[in-house]
Amino acid sequence: MDAPAPHRFVARVIEEADNKIHDDGVARRFGFSGALVPGVELFARTTTPLVAAWGEEWLSGGRVDLRFRRPVYDGEELLIDVIGGQLTVTGADGEVRCLGSTGRTGDRPDLADFAEVSAAGEPVTDPVAGPFGSVHEAGTVEENEWYLDAIGEPLPLYRERLWAHPGLLLRLVNKLLMHNVALGPWIHTSSDCTFLGIARLPAQMTVHGRVTDVGRRGRHEEVRYDALVLADAEPVLHVHHTALYRLSTAA
């Protein structure tokens, strides 16, 4: 199969978000020049050239990890390049904003640690190592259509085949953190993803997860957790996810 071709897209803050780091005024309090484009939406559009090149094979068994290194602001044009499995997302100014790697296939992870856990209860102030409460929600064709329009996804296969977009699946992994931890403004910093199957809509979506590490990165508090997304009880995505869950204001 062909290697993924270079791909350009315009990054967008697509909606009013609960996470106020995507609000201009709040983001400036933390030293940014404006609202940050969510990492999940950068991830979503980074998958476009991968799916264009590798299609169903990648969506049902491929892998990608992406680390968000520099801020991306609403309306910026970005270029995705994949060379020898190494992935870069670069701004018009030549600065690399995201780094990662990808492959048509990935090793299937051990899913033994992802048994059903009771639904998420009251969010805690600080996460601790161990299981998160699971999150359940309906995955609908209508939500998928809205998301495809919002991010400007050009590939038609999600509409034609009623497949959930990878960005929507990763949004569920963010929701796992949001349902389990009491958050102010926070930043998604990386995701290492292995696709396990295609989520065909409509479907009942479930996310299980467990905290693997809590610590500090610079001035900020960081959490690492593993998550498993299921569609109608079938595994579709495994993620090693990292976020700065409590931010310190800019010095």
Protein backbone atom coordinates (compact mmCIF):
# COMPACT_ATOMS: atom_id res chain seq x y z
CA MET A 1 0.00 0.00 0.00
CA ASP A 2 1.05 3.59 -0.57
CA ALA A 3 2.61 5.60 2.24
CA PRO A 4 0.37 8.39 3.60
CA ALA A 5 0.60 11.53 1.48
CA PRO A 6 1.31 14.95 3.04
CA HIS A 7 -1.94 16.55 4.12
CA ARG A 8 -2.90 20.11 5.06
CA PHE A 9 -5.80 21.13 7.28
CA VAL A 10 -7.03 24.10 9.28
CA ALA A 11 -7.18 23.54 13.05
CA ARG A 12 -10.40 24.60 14.77
CA VAL A 13 -11.89 25.03 18.22
CA ILE A 14 -15.17 23.44 17.20
CA GLU A 15 -17.49 24.22 20.10
CA GLU A 16 -17.90 25.89 23.47
CA ALA A 17 -16.12 23.39 25.71
CA ASP A 18 -16.40 22.55 29.39
CA ASN A 19 -12.60 22.76 29.46
CA LYS A 20 -11.97 26.51 29.54
CA ILE A 21 -8.38 26.21 28.28
CA HIS A 22 -10.25 26.40 24.93
CA ASP A 23 -11.46 29.91 25.86
CA ASP A 24 -9.31 32.91 24.91
CA GLY A 25 -9.44 34.70 28.26
CA VAL A 26 -8.75 31.63 30.38
CA ALA A 27 -5.94 30.39 28.12
CA ARG A 28 -4.19 33.77 28.38
CA ARG A 29 -4.18 33.45 32.19
CA PHE A 30 -1.98 30.39 31.72
CA GLY A 31 0.47 32.09 29.39
CA PHE A 32 -1.00 31.25 25.98
CA SER A 33 -1.87 33.82 23.33
CA GLY A 34 -5.40 32.48 22.88
CA ALA A 35 -7.69 29.47 23.11
CA LEU A 36 -5.92 26.16 22.48
CA VAL A 37 -7.26 23.85 19.80
CA PRO A 38 -8.11 20.59 21.63
CA GLY A 39 -5.59 17.79 21.21
CA VAL A 40 -8.38 15.40 20.33
CA GLU A 41 -9.32 17.50 17.29
CA LEU A 42 -5.65 17.66 16.20
CA PHE A 43 -5.55 13.88 16.57
CA ALA A 44 -8.78 13.54 14.59
CA ARG A 45 -7.44 15.36 11.54
CA THR A 46 -4.02 13.72 11.82
CA THR A 47 -5.77 10.42 11.09
CA THR A 48 -7.04 11.70 7.72
CA PRO A 49 -3.96 10.83 5.59
CA LEU A 50 -3.48 7.55 7.49
CA VAL A 51 -7.01 6.38 6.72
CA ALA A 52 -6.73 7.66 3.14
CA ALA A 53 -3.65 5.46 2.64
CA TRP A 54 -4.47 2.39 4.72
CA GLY A 55 -8.26 2.39 5.09
CA GLU A 56 -10.09 -0.31 7.00
CA GLU A 57 -6.89 -2.21 7.81
CA TRP A 58 -5.57 0.72 9.85
CA LEU A 59 -8.90 1.57 11.48
CA SER A 60 -9.31 -2.00 12.71
CA GLY A 61 -5.73 -2.88 13.66
CA GLY A 62 -3.31 0.02 13.16
CA ARG A 63 -1.55 2.24 15.63
CA VAL A 64 -0.59 5.88 16.12
CA ASP A 65 0.95 7.85 18.95
CA LEU A 66 0.83 11.60 19.00
CA ARG A 67 2.49 14.05 21.39
CA PHE A 68 1.28 17.66 21.43
CA ARG A 69 4.51 19.67 21.81
CA ARG A 70 3.49 23.26 21.06
CA PRO A 71 0.24 25.23 21.27
CA VAL A 72 -2.05 25.28 18.24
CA TYR A 73 -4.52 28.15 17.88
CA ASP A 74 -7.84 28.42 16.08
CA GLY A 75 -7.51 28.94 12.32
CA GLU A 76 -3.90 27.81 11.98
CA GLU A 77 -3.01 25.80 8.88
CA LEU A 78 -1.01 22.68 9.66
CA LEU A 79 0.87 20.16 7.51
CA ILE A 80 0.94 16.44 8.35
CA ASP A 81 3.93 14.45 7.06
CA VAL A 82 4.60 10.73 7.53
CA ILE A 83 8.08 9.52 6.58
CA GLY A 84 9.25 6.03 7.47
CA GLY A 85 6.55 5.69 10.10
CA GLN A 86 7.51 8.96 11.82
CA LEU A 87 4.77 11.57 11.94
CA THR A 88 5.07 15.36 12.24
CA VAL A 89 2.46 18.11 12.33
CA THR A 90 4.02 21.46 11.40
CA GLY A 91 2.69 25.01 11.45
CA ALA A 92 2.96 27.53 8.61
CA ASP A 93 5.88 29.08 10.52
CA GLY A 94 7.84 25.81 10.23
CA GLU A 95 7.54 24.98 13.92
CA VAL A 96 6.69 21.37 14.73
CA ARG A 97 3.52 21.31 16.83
CA CYS A 98 3.00 17.54 17.18
CA LEU A 99 5.29 14.52 16.92
CA GLY A 100 4.58 10.83 16.80
CA SER A 101 4.74 7.58 14.92
CA THR A 102 2.32 5.31 13.15
CA GLY A 103 1.99 1.93 11.49
CA ARG A 104 -0.50 -0.05 9.45
CA THR A 105 -0.61 -2.71 12.18
CA GLY A 106 0.04 -2.71 15.92
CA ASP A 107 0.53 -5.30 18.64
CA ARG A 108 -2.73 -6.22 20.33
CA PRO A 109 -2.53 -5.12 23.99
CA ASP A 110 -3.40 -7.25 27.00
CA LEU A 111 -6.96 -6.28 27.90
CA ALA A 112 -7.18 -8.33 31.11
CA ASP A 113 -7.08 -5.22 33.35
CA PHE A 114 -10.21 -3.72 31.81
CA ALA A 115 -13.03 -5.62 33.48
CA GLU A 116 -16.31 -3.79 34.04
CA VAL A 117 -16.07 -1.20 36.82
CA SER A 118 -19.06 0.54 38.38
CA ALA A 119 -20.14 3.73 36.66
CA ALA A 120 -18.22 6.89 37.50
CA GLY A 121 -19.41 8.51 40.73
CA GLU A 122 -18.59 11.91 42.18
CA PRO A 123 -15.36 13.24 40.61
CA VAL A 124 -12.35 13.29 42.95
CA THR A 125 -9.97 16.21 43.36
CA ASP A 126 -6.87 14.09 42.79
CA PRO A 127 -6.68 10.80 40.87
CA VAL A 128 -4.84 7.85 42.40
CA ALA A 129 -3.42 4.70 40.83
CA GLY A 130 -6.17 2.18 40.13
CA PRO A 131 -9.40 1.87 38.16
CA PHE A 132 -11.58 4.72 36.99
CA GLY A 133 -15.33 4.40 37.09
CA SER A 134 -16.56 3.36 33.65
CA VAL A 135 -18.43 5.70 31.29
CA HIS A 136 -21.38 4.63 29.12
CA GLU A 137 -23.14 6.61 26.40
CA ALA A 138 -24.98 6.12 23.14
CA GLY A 139 -22.97 6.50 19.96
CA THR A 140 -25.24 7.91 17.28
CA VAL A 141 -25.08 8.52 13.55
CA GLU A 142 -26.26 12.10 14.16
CA GLU A 143 -23.38 12.93 16.52
CA ASN A 144 -20.91 11.40 14.08
CA GLU A 145 -22.32 13.53 11.23
CA TRP A 146 -22.05 16.66 13.37
CA TYR A 147 -18.42 15.85 14.24
CA LEU A 148 -17.42 15.17 10.62
CA ASP A 149 -18.82 18.56 9.61
CA ALA A 150 -17.27 20.36 12.59
CA ILE A 151 -13.70 19.13 11.99
CA GLY A 152 -13.96 19.34 8.20
CA GLU A 153 -13.19 15.65 7.64
CA PRO A 154 -12.87 15.17 3.85
CA LEU A 155 -13.01 11.35 3.70
CA PRO A 156 -16.47 10.04 2.76
CA LEU A 157 -16.18 6.51 4.22
CA TYR A 158 -17.38 7.49 7.72
CA ARG A 159 -20.68 8.72 6.29
CA GLU A 160 -21.03 5.99 3.69
CA ARG A 161 -20.32 3.11 6.07
CA LEU A 162 -21.65 4.65 9.33
CA TRP A 163 -18.28 4.24 11.05
CA ALA A 164 -17.46 6.29 14.15
CA HIS A 165 -14.64 8.75 13.52
CA PRO A 166 -11.43 8.05 15.52
CA GLY A 167 -11.68 11.53 17.02
CA LEU A 168 -15.05 10.70 18.56
CA LEU A 169 -13.56 7.57 20.09
CA LEU A 170 -10.72 9.57 21.62
CA ARG A 171 -13.23 12.13 22.92
CA LEU A 172 -14.67 9.29 25.01
CA VAL A 173 -11.22 8.73 26.55
CA ASN A 174 -11.18 12.42 27.57
CA LYS A 175 -14.67 12.01 29.02
CA LEU A 176 -13.37 9.20 31.23
CA LEU A 177 -11.05 11.70 32.92
CA MET A 178 -13.73 14.39 33.06
CA HIS A 179 -16.26 12.05 34.73
CA ASN A 180 -13.76 10.80 37.34
CA VAL A 181 -11.66 13.86 38.24
CA ALA A 182 -12.87 17.34 39.23
CA LEU A 183 -11.14 19.50 36.64
CA GLY A 184 -10.54 23.16 36.04
CA PRO A 185 -8.72 24.12 32.84
CA TRP A 186 -6.60 21.15 31.72
CA ILE A 187 -4.46 20.06 28.75
CA HIS A 188 -4.40 16.76 26.87
CA THR A 189 -0.71 16.18 26.07
CA SER A 190 -0.39 12.78 24.36
CA SER A 191 -2.20 9.66 23.20
CA ASP A 192 -0.69 6.33 22.14
CA CYS A 193 -3.49 4.47 20.36
CA THR A 194 -4.03 0.95 19.04
CA PHE A 195 -7.18 0.33 17.03
CA LEU A 196 -8.86 -3.00 17.73
CA GLY A 197 -11.96 -2.83 15.54
CA ILE A 198 -14.34 -0.48 13.80
CA ALA A 199 -17.21 1.12 15.73
CA ARG A 200 -20.28 0.81 13.53
CA LEU A 201 -23.07 3.19 14.46
CA PRO A 202 -25.43 3.33 16.19
CA ALA A 203 -23.78 1.53 19.11
CA GLN A 204 -23.66 1.57 22.88
CA MET A 205 -20.25 3.00 23.75
CA THR A 206 -18.38 2.06 26.93
CA VAL A 207 -15.03 3.27 28.26
CA HIS A 208 -13.06 1.52 31.00
CA GLY A 209 -9.78 2.86 32.36
CA ARG A 210 -7.19 2.82 35.09
CA VAL A 211 -4.70 5.39 36.35
CA THR A 212 -1.12 4.24 35.91
CA ASP A 213 0.80 7.26 37.23
CA VAL A 214 0.25 10.65 38.88
CA GLY A 215 3.02 13.22 39.25
CA ARG A 216 4.29 16.64 38.25
CA ARG A 217 5.47 18.07 34.94
CA GLY A 218 7.11 21.41 35.62
CA ARG A 219 4.55 23.54 37.51
CA HIS A 220 1.61 21.32 36.57
CA GLU A 221 0.02 18.12 37.88
CA GLU A 222 0.02 15.22 35.41
CA VAL A 223 -1.99 12.01 35.16
CA ARG A 224 -1.36 9.01 32.94
CA TYR A 225 -4.06 6.44 32.38
CA ASP A 226 -4.91 3.53 30.11
CA ALA A 227 -8.34 3.31 28.53
CA LEU A 228 -10.32 0.80 26.53
CA VAL A 229 -13.23 1.88 24.31
CA LEU A 230 -15.90 -0.66 23.36
CA ALA A 231 -18.77 -0.45 20.86
CA ASP A 232 -21.61 -2.84 21.69
CA ALA A 233 -19.20 -4.67 24.03
CA GLU A 234 -16.55 -5.19 21.31
CA PRO A 235 -13.12 -3.55 21.84
CA VAL A 236 -12.39 -0.85 19.26
CA LEU A 237 -9.60 1.31 20.77
CA HIS A 238 -6.89 1.03 23.42
CA VAL A 239 -5.10 4.21 24.54
CA HIS A 240 -2.22 5.23 26.78
CA HIS A 241 -3.38 8.77 27.56
CA THR A 242 -1.61 11.67 29.31
CA ALA A 243 -3.02 14.97 30.55
CA LEU A 244 -2.06 17.91 32.73
CA TYR A 245 -5.09 17.80 35.00
CA ARG A 246 -4.23 20.78 37.21
CA LEU A 247 -2.47 23.80 35.75
CA SER A 248 -0.44 26.43 37.55
CA THR A 249 -0.96 29.97 36.28
CA ALA A 250 1.87 31.51 34.25
CA ALA A 251 4.71 32.98 36.25
